[in-house]
Amino acid sequence: MDVGSIGQNALLGINKGFNQANQASAKIASNQQVNDNSTTQDIAKNLVELKQAELQVKASAKVAQTAGDIIGSIIDIKA
């Protein structure tokens, strides 16, 4: 696996995390969740999904940073 594909996978992970966060927050904010038959369990489940999305983005950002650091090191070695 090359560094470019690692960086690409990191970006895909960040995108996945943002999508998951958007979906979870939309469920939390929906009128059905807030007004009708929302249960504490449903809201808690969506809050957990929101936290998972946050962790997904943070982990993927660290992978992207590491890939960038590796590319920088390779450039320094070649120079």
PDB file of N, CA and C in Angstrom:
ATOM      1  N   MET A   1       0.849  -1.172   0.000  1.00  0.00           N
ATOM      2  CA  MET A   1       0.000   0.000   0.000  1.00  0.00           C
ATOM      3  C   MET A   1       0.896   1.236   0.000  1.00  0.00           C
ATOM      4  N   ASP A   2       0.651   2.139  -0.916  1.00  0.00           N
ATOM      5  CA  ASP A   2       1.473   3.340  -0.974  1.00  0.00           C
ATOM      6  C   ASP A   2       0.865   4.455  -0.132  1.00  0.00           C
ATOM      7  N   VAL A   3       1.654   5.492   0.089  1.00  0.00           N
ATOM      8  CA  VAL A   3       1.239   6.590   0.950  1.00  0.00           C
ATOM      9  C   VAL A   3       0.030   7.324   0.366  1.00  0.00           C
ATOM     10  N   GLY A   4      -0.028   7.428  -0.957  1.00  0.00           N
ATOM     11  CA  GLY A   4      -1.155   8.111  -1.589  1.00  0.00           C
ATOM     12  C   GLY A   4      -2.479   7.434  -1.285  1.00  0.00           C
ATOM     13  N   SER A   5      -2.485   6.097  -1.316  1.00  0.00           N
ATOM     14  CA  SER A   5      -3.735   5.391  -1.030  1.00  0.00           C
ATOM     15  C   SER A   5      -4.088   5.490   0.447  1.00  0.00           C
ATOM     16  N   ILE A   6      -3.084   5.582   1.309  1.00  0.00           N
ATOM     17  CA  ILE A   6      -3.355   5.785   2.734  1.00  0.00           C
ATOM     18  C   ILE A   6      -4.040   7.136   2.932  1.00  0.00           C
ATOM     19  N   GLY A   7      -3.518   8.144   2.265  1.00  0.00           N
ATOM     20  CA  GLY A   7      -4.136   9.471   2.351  1.00  0.00           C
ATOM     21  C   GLY A   7      -5.545   9.479   1.792  1.00  0.00           C
ATOM     22  N   GLN A   8      -5.750   8.768   0.693  1.00  0.00           N
ATOM     23  CA  GLN A   8      -7.079   8.679   0.092  1.00  0.00           C
ATOM     24  C   GLN A   8      -8.057   7.988   1.034  1.00  0.00           C
ATOM     25  N   ASN A   9      -7.606   6.899   1.666  1.00  0.00           N
ATOM     26  CA  ASN A   9      -8.458   6.199   2.625  1.00  0.00           C
ATOM     27  C   ASN A   9      -8.785   7.079   3.830  1.00  0.00           C
ATOM     28  N   ALA A  10      -7.833   7.901   4.238  1.00  0.00           N
ATOM     29  CA  ALA A  10      -8.084   8.819   5.345  1.00  0.00           C
ATOM     30  C   ALA A  10      -9.184   9.816   4.974  1.00  0.00           C
ATOM     31  N   LEU A  11      -9.117  10.339   3.759  1.00  0.00           N
ATOM     32  CA  LEU A  11     -10.146  11.277   3.311  1.00  0.00           C
ATOM     33  C   LEU A  11     -11.515  10.604   3.206  1.00  0.00           C
ATOM     34  N   LEU A  12     -11.530   9.371   2.760  1.00  0.00           N
ATOM     35  CA  LEU A  12     -12.789   8.622   2.707  1.00  0.00           C
ATOM     36  C   LEU A  12     -13.350   8.421   4.117  1.00  0.00           C
ATOM     37  N   GLY A  13     -12.481   8.155   5.073  1.00  0.00           N
ATOM     38  CA  GLY A  13     -12.908   8.000   6.458  1.00  0.00           C
ATOM     39  C   GLY A  13     -13.481   9.278   7.032  1.00  0.00           C
ATOM     40  N   ILE A  14     -12.857  10.395   6.705  1.00  0.00           N
ATOM     41  CA  ILE A  14     -13.369  11.693   7.160  1.00  0.00           C
ATOM     42  C   ILE A  14     -14.743  11.948   6.561  1.00  0.00           C
ATOM     43  N   ASN A  15     -14.884  11.669   5.276  1.00  0.00           N
ATOM     44  CA  ASN A  15     -16.163  11.856   4.600  1.00  0.00           C
ATOM     45  C   ASN A  15     -17.245  10.967   5.221  1.00  0.00           C
ATOM     46  N   LYS A  16     -16.886   9.714   5.513  1.00  0.00           N
ATOM     47  CA  LYS A  16     -17.832   8.785   6.137  1.00  0.00           C
ATOM     48  C   LYS A  16     -18.267   9.320   7.505  1.00  0.00           C
ATOM     49  N   GLY A  17     -17.330   9.833   8.264  1.00  0.00           N
ATOM     50  CA  GLY A  17     -17.652  10.388   9.583  1.00  0.00           C
ATOM     51  C   GLY A  17     -18.588  11.577   9.490  1.00  0.00           C
ATOM     52  N   PHE A  18     -18.333  12.465   8.530  1.00  0.00           N
ATOM     53  CA  PHE A  18     -19.217  13.620   8.350  1.00  0.00           C
ATOM     54  C   PHE A  18     -20.625  13.181   7.940  1.00  0.00           C
ATOM     55  N   ASN A  19     -20.692  12.197   7.048  1.00  0.00           N
ATOM     56  CA  ASN A  19     -22.006  11.697   6.628  1.00  0.00           C
ATOM     57  C   ASN A  19     -22.764  11.086   7.805  1.00  0.00           C
ATOM     58  N   GLN A  20     -22.072  10.309   8.613  1.00  0.00           N
ATOM     59  CA  GLN A  20     -22.706   9.690   9.775  1.00  0.00           C
ATOM     60  C   GLN A  20     -23.172  10.760  10.764  1.00  0.00           C
ATOM     61  N   ALA A  21     -22.360  11.788  10.953  1.00  0.00           N
ATOM     62  CA  ALA A  21     -22.740  12.867  11.862  1.00  0.00           C
ATOM     63  C   ALA A  21     -23.964  13.614  11.346  1.00  0.00           C
ATOM     64  N   ASN A  22     -24.007  13.851  10.044  1.00  0.00           N
ATOM     65  CA  ASN A  22     -25.167  14.526   9.469  1.00  0.00           C
ATOM     66  C   ASN A  22     -26.434  13.714   9.664  1.00  0.00           C
ATOM     67  N   GLN A  23     -26.346  12.411   9.449  1.00  0.00           N
ATOM     68  CA  GLN A  23     -27.523  11.555   9.601  1.00  0.00           C
ATOM     69  C   GLN A  23     -27.984  11.505  11.056  1.00  0.00           C
ATOM     70  N   ALA A  24     -27.051  11.338  11.968  1.00  0.00           N
ATOM     71  CA  ALA A  24     -27.409  11.249  13.385  1.00  0.00           C
ATOM     72  C   ALA A  24     -27.996  12.559  13.886  1.00  0.00           C
ATOM     73  N   SER A  25     -27.401  13.669  13.494  1.00  0.00           N
ATOM     74  CA  SER A  25     -27.910  14.956  13.960  1.00  0.00           C
ATOM     75  C   SER A  25     -29.271  15.269  13.351  1.00  0.00           C
ATOM     76  N   ALA A  26     -29.495  14.828  12.114  1.00  0.00           N
ATOM     77  CA  ALA A  26     -30.810  15.029  11.494  1.00  0.00           C
ATOM     78  C   ALA A  26     -31.882  14.240  12.236  1.00  0.00           C
ATOM     79  N   LYS A  27     -31.548  13.025  12.658  1.00  0.00           N
ATOM     80  CA  LYS A  27     -32.505  12.217  13.417  1.00  0.00           C
ATOM     81  C   LYS A  27     -32.816  12.858  14.765  1.00  0.00           C
ATOM     82  N   ILE A  28     -31.788  13.389  15.405  1.00  0.00           N
ATOM     83  CA  ILE A  28     -31.983  14.029  16.702  1.00  0.00           C
ATOM     84  C   ILE A  28     -32.868  15.258  16.557  1.00  0.00           C
ATOM     85  N   ALA A  29     -32.639  16.022  15.504  1.00  0.00           N
ATOM     86  CA  ALA A  29     -33.363  17.276  15.316  1.00  0.00           C
ATOM     87  C   ALA A  29     -34.740  17.115  14.678  1.00  0.00           C
ATOM     88  N   SER A  30     -35.030  15.929  14.185  1.00  0.00           N
ATOM     89  CA  SER A  30     -36.305  15.751  13.485  1.00  0.00           C
ATOM     90  C   SER A  30     -37.482  15.952  14.425  1.00  0.00           C
ATOM     91  N   ASN A  31     -38.570  16.404  13.864  1.00  0.00           N
ATOM     92  CA  ASN A  31     -39.764  16.633  14.673  1.00  0.00           C
ATOM     93  C   ASN A  31     -40.260  15.348  15.301  1.00  0.00           C
ATOM     94  N   GLN A  32     -40.137  14.256  14.597  1.00  0.00           N
ATOM     95  CA  GLN A  32     -40.603  12.978  15.125  1.00  0.00           C
ATOM     96  C   GLN A  32     -39.818  12.610  16.380  1.00  0.00           C
ATOM     97  N   GLN A  33     -38.530  12.804  16.359  1.00  0.00           N
ATOM     98  CA  GLN A  33     -37.711  12.471  17.523  1.00  0.00           C
ATOM     99  C   GLN A  33     -38.065  13.367  18.708  1.00  0.00           C
ATOM    100  N   VAL A  34     -38.238  14.639  18.456  1.00  0.00           N
ATOM    101  CA  VAL A  34     -38.415  15.588  19.542  1.00  0.00           C
ATOM    102  C   VAL A  34     -39.851  15.608  20.052  1.00  0.00           C
ATOM    103  N   ASN A  35     -40.824  15.517  19.164  1.00  0.00           N
ATOM    104  CA  ASN A  35     -42.200  15.756  19.562  1.00  0.00           C
ATOM    105  C   ASN A  35     -43.033  14.509  19.820  1.00  0.00           C
ATOM    106  N   ASP A  36     -42.913  13.492  19.006  1.00  0.00           N
ATOM    107  CA  ASP A  36     -43.856  12.385  19.057  1.00  0.00           C
ATOM    108  C   ASP A  36     -43.423  11.309  20.048  1.00  0.00           C
ATOM    109  N   ASN A  37     -43.208  10.147  19.534  1.00  0.00           N
ATOM    110  CA  ASN A  37     -42.946   8.984  20.375  1.00  0.00           C
ATOM    111  C   ASN A  37     -41.462   8.750  20.604  1.00  0.00           C
ATOM    112  N   SER A  38     -40.718   9.794  20.707  1.00  0.00           N
ATOM    113  CA  SER A  38     -39.289   9.604  20.913  1.00  0.00           C
ATOM    114  C   SER A  38     -39.053   9.042  22.305  1.00  0.00           C
ATOM    115  N   THR A  39     -38.156   8.116  22.359  1.00  0.00           N
ATOM    116  CA  THR A  39     -37.793   7.540  23.644  1.00  0.00           C
ATOM    117  C   THR A  39     -36.383   7.986  23.985  1.00  0.00           C
ATOM    118  N   THR A  40     -36.090   7.900  25.238  1.00  0.00           N
ATOM    119  CA  THR A  40     -34.738   8.235  25.671  1.00  0.00           C
ATOM    120  C   THR A  40     -33.729   7.319  24.995  1.00  0.00           C
ATOM    121  N   GLN A  41     -34.129   6.069  24.771  1.00  0.00           N
ATOM    122  CA  GLN A  41     -33.237   5.107  24.136  1.00  0.00           C
ATOM    123  C   GLN A  41     -32.935   5.501  22.687  1.00  0.00           C
ATOM    124  N   ASP A  42     -33.954   5.979  21.954  1.00  0.00           N
ATOM    125  CA  ASP A  42     -33.732   6.409  20.570  1.00  0.00           C
ATOM    126  C   ASP A  42     -32.781   7.598  20.515  1.00  0.00           C
ATOM    127  N   ILE A  43     -33.007   8.553  21.375  1.00  0.00           N
ATOM    128  CA  ILE A  43     -32.156   9.751  21.384  1.00  0.00           C
ATOM    129  C   ILE A  43     -30.739   9.371  21.800  1.00  0.00           C
ATOM    130  N   ALA A  44     -30.625   8.509  22.799  1.00  0.00           N
ATOM    131  CA  ALA A  44     -29.299   8.080  23.248  1.00  0.00           C
ATOM    132  C   ALA A  44     -28.556   7.349  22.136  1.00  0.00           C
ATOM    133  N   LYS A  45     -29.276   6.501  21.392  1.00  0.00           N
ATOM    134  CA  LYS A  45     -28.653   5.778  20.276  1.00  0.00           C
ATOM    135  C   LYS A  45     -28.100   6.757  19.254  1.00  0.00           C
ATOM    136  N   ASN A  46     -28.862   7.792  18.938  1.00  0.00           N
ATOM    137  CA  ASN A  46     -28.397   8.780  17.959  1.00  0.00           C
ATOM    138  C   ASN A  46     -27.241   9.616  18.502  1.00  0.00           C
ATOM    139  N   LEU A  47     -27.239   9.881  19.787  1.00  0.00           N
ATOM    140  CA  LEU A  47     -26.108  10.599  20.376  1.00  0.00           C
ATOM    141  C   LEU A  47     -24.837   9.739  20.330  1.00  0.00           C
ATOM    142  N   VAL A  48     -24.987   8.434  20.549  1.00  0.00           N
ATOM    143  CA  VAL A  48     -23.838   7.528  20.444  1.00  0.00           C
ATOM    144  C   VAL A  48     -23.312   7.514  19.008  1.00  0.00           C
ATOM    145  N   GLU A  49     -24.216   7.473  18.033  1.00  0.00           N
ATOM    146  CA  GLU A  49     -23.804   7.505  16.631  1.00  0.00           C
ATOM    147  C   GLU A  49     -23.080   8.806  16.303  1.00  0.00           C
ATOM    148  N   LEU A  50     -23.537   9.896  16.889  1.00  0.00           N
ATOM    149  CA  LEU A  50     -22.881  11.188  16.678  1.00  0.00           C
ATOM    150  C   LEU A  50     -21.460  11.174  17.254  1.00  0.00           C
ATOM    151  N   LYS A  51     -21.299  10.585  18.434  1.00  0.00           N
ATOM    152  CA  LYS A  51     -19.976  10.482  19.042  1.00  0.00           C
ATOM    153  C   LYS A  51     -19.068   9.567  18.217  1.00  0.00           C
ATOM    154  N   GLN A  52     -19.632   8.454  17.698  1.00  0.00           N
ATOM    155  CA  GLN A  52     -18.853   7.566  16.837  1.00  0.00           C
ATOM    156  C   GLN A  52     -18.367   8.301  15.594  1.00  0.00           C
ATOM    157  N   ALA A  53     -19.225   9.137  15.043  1.00  0.00           N
ATOM    158  CA  ALA A  53     -18.844   9.913  13.862  1.00  0.00           C
ATOM    159  C   ALA A  53     -17.692  10.858  14.191  1.00  0.00           C
ATOM    160  N   GLU A  54     -17.768  11.483  15.357  1.00  0.00           N
ATOM    161  CA  GLU A  54     -16.688  12.380  15.778  1.00  0.00           C
ATOM    162  C   GLU A  54     -15.365  11.622  15.874  1.00  0.00           C
ATOM    163  N   LEU A  55     -15.402  10.454  16.493  1.00  0.00           N
ATOM    164  CA  LEU A  55     -14.182   9.651  16.632  1.00  0.00           C
ATOM    165  C   LEU A  55     -13.666   9.169  15.281  1.00  0.00           C
ATOM    166  N   GLN A  56     -14.576   8.852  14.369  1.00  0.00           N
ATOM    167  CA  GLN A  56     -14.196   8.445  13.010  1.00  0.00           C
ATOM    168  C   GLN A  56     -13.420   9.561  12.316  1.00  0.00           C
ATOM    169  N   VAL A  57     -13.929  10.776  12.419  1.00  0.00           N
ATOM    170  CA  VAL A  57     -13.274  11.918  11.773  1.00  0.00           C
ATOM    171  C   VAL A  57     -11.920  12.187  12.421  1.00  0.00           C
ATOM    172  N   LYS A  58     -11.855  12.146  13.748  1.00  0.00           N
ATOM    173  CA  LYS A  58     -10.584  12.398  14.433  1.00  0.00           C
ATOM    174  C   LYS A  58      -9.525  11.358  14.068  1.00  0.00           C
ATOM    175  N   ALA A  59      -9.921  10.087  14.052  1.00  0.00           N
ATOM    176  CA  ALA A  59      -8.963   9.027  13.715  1.00  0.00           C
ATOM    177  C   ALA A  59      -8.494   9.154  12.265  1.00  0.00           C
ATOM    178  N   SER A  60      -9.415   9.438  11.372  1.00  0.00           N
ATOM    179  CA  SER A  60      -9.048   9.577   9.960  1.00  0.00           C
ATOM    180  C   SER A  60      -8.161  10.798   9.741  1.00  0.00           C
ATOM    181  N   ALA A  61      -8.406  11.862  10.490  1.00  0.00           N
ATOM    182  CA  ALA A  61      -7.559  13.049  10.377  1.00  0.00           C
ATOM    183  C   ALA A  61      -6.134  12.744  10.842  1.00  0.00           C
ATOM    184  N   LYS A  62      -6.004  11.919  11.883  1.00  0.00           N
ATOM    185  CA  LYS A  62      -4.671  11.529  12.339  1.00  0.00           C
ATOM    186  C   LYS A  62      -3.961  10.683  11.282  1.00  0.00           C
ATOM    187  N   VAL A  63      -4.703   9.809  10.621  1.00  0.00           N
ATOM    188  CA  VAL A  63      -4.116   9.007   9.545  1.00  0.00           C
ATOM    189  C   VAL A  63      -3.649   9.916   8.410  1.00  0.00           C
ATOM    190  N   ALA A  64      -4.483  10.899   8.054  1.00  0.00           N
ATOM    191  CA  ALA A  64      -4.107  11.840   6.991  1.00  0.00           C
ATOM    192  C   ALA A  64      -2.856  12.626   7.384  1.00  0.00           C
ATOM    193  N   GLN A  65      -2.776  13.044   8.643  1.00  0.00           N
ATOM    194  CA  GLN A  65      -1.598  13.784   9.115  1.00  0.00           C
ATOM    195  C   GLN A  65      -0.347  12.907   9.041  1.00  0.00           C
ATOM    196  N   THR A  66      -0.480  11.655   9.446  1.00  0.00           N
ATOM    197  CA  THR A  66       0.658  10.731   9.391  1.00  0.00           C
ATOM    198  C   THR A  66       1.103  10.499   7.951  1.00  0.00           C
ATOM    199  N   ALA A  67       0.149  10.335   7.047  1.00  0.00           N
ATOM    200  CA  ALA A  67       0.500  10.163   5.624  1.00  0.00           C
ATOM    201  C   ALA A  67       1.242  11.394   5.115  1.00  0.00           C
ATOM    202  N   GLY A  68       0.788  12.570   5.512  1.00  0.00           N
ATOM    203  CA  GLY A  68       1.472  13.801   5.111  1.00  0.00           C
ATOM    204  C   GLY A  68       2.878  13.882   5.675  1.00  0.00           C
ATOM    205  N   ASP A  69       3.032  13.454   6.925  1.00  0.00           N
ATOM    206  CA  ASP A  69       4.357  13.445   7.550  1.00  0.00           C
ATOM    207  C   ASP A  69       5.304  12.484   6.819  1.00  0.00           C
ATOM    208  N   ILE A  70       4.769  11.329   6.425  1.00  0.00           N
ATOM    209  CA  ILE A  70       5.586  10.349   5.709  1.00  0.00           C
ATOM    210  C   ILE A  70       6.023  10.912   4.359  1.00  0.00           C
ATOM    211  N   ILE A  71       5.093  11.540   3.665  1.00  0.00           N
ATOM    212  CA  ILE A  71       5.446  12.154   2.375  1.00  0.00           C
ATOM    213  C   ILE A  71       6.514  13.223   2.571  1.00  0.00           C
ATOM    214  N   GLY A  72       6.378  14.019   3.623  1.00  0.00           N
ATOM    215  CA  GLY A  72       7.384  15.042   3.915  1.00  0.00           C
ATOM    216  C   GLY A  72       8.747  14.431   4.197  1.00  0.00           C
ATOM    217  N   SER A  73       8.758  13.345   4.935  1.00  0.00           N
ATOM    218  CA  SER A  73      10.029  12.669   5.233  1.00  0.00           C
ATOM    219  C   SER A  73      10.661  12.104   3.971  1.00  0.00           C
ATOM    220  N   ILE A  74       9.840  11.530   3.102  1.00  0.00           N
ATOM    221  CA  ILE A  74      10.364  10.989   1.849  1.00  0.00           C
ATOM    222  C   ILE A  74      10.963  12.106   1.000  1.00  0.00           C
ATOM    223  N   ILE A  75      10.294  13.239   0.947  1.00  0.00           N
ATOM    224  CA  ILE A  75      10.812  14.372   0.173  1.00  0.00           C
ATOM    225  C   ILE A  75      12.127  14.853   0.766  1.00  0.00           C
ATOM    226  N   ASP A  76      12.209  14.905   2.113  1.00  0.00           N
ATOM    227  CA  ASP A  76      13.453  15.339   2.753  1.00  0.00           C
ATOM    228  C   ASP A  76      14.592  14.364   2.472  1.00  0.00           C
ATOM    229  N   ILE A  77      14.297  13.084   2.456  1.00  0.00           N
ATOM    230  CA  ILE A  77      15.325  12.079   2.181  1.00  0.00           C
ATOM    231  C   ILE A  77      15.815  12.180   0.744  1.00  0.00           C
ATOM    232  N   LYS A  78      14.905  12.391  -0.196  1.00  0.00           N
ATOM    233  CA  LYS A  78      15.256  12.469  -1.610  1.00  0.00           C
ATOM    234  C   LYS A  78      15.992  13.759  -1.939  1.00  0.00           C
ATOM    235  N   ALA A  79      15.757  14.815  -1.175  1.00  0.00           N
ATOM    236  CA  ALA A  79      16.342  16.124  -1.479  1.00  0.00           C
ATOM    237  C   ALA A  79      17.785  16.230  -1.127  1.00  0.00           C
TER     238      ALA A  79
END
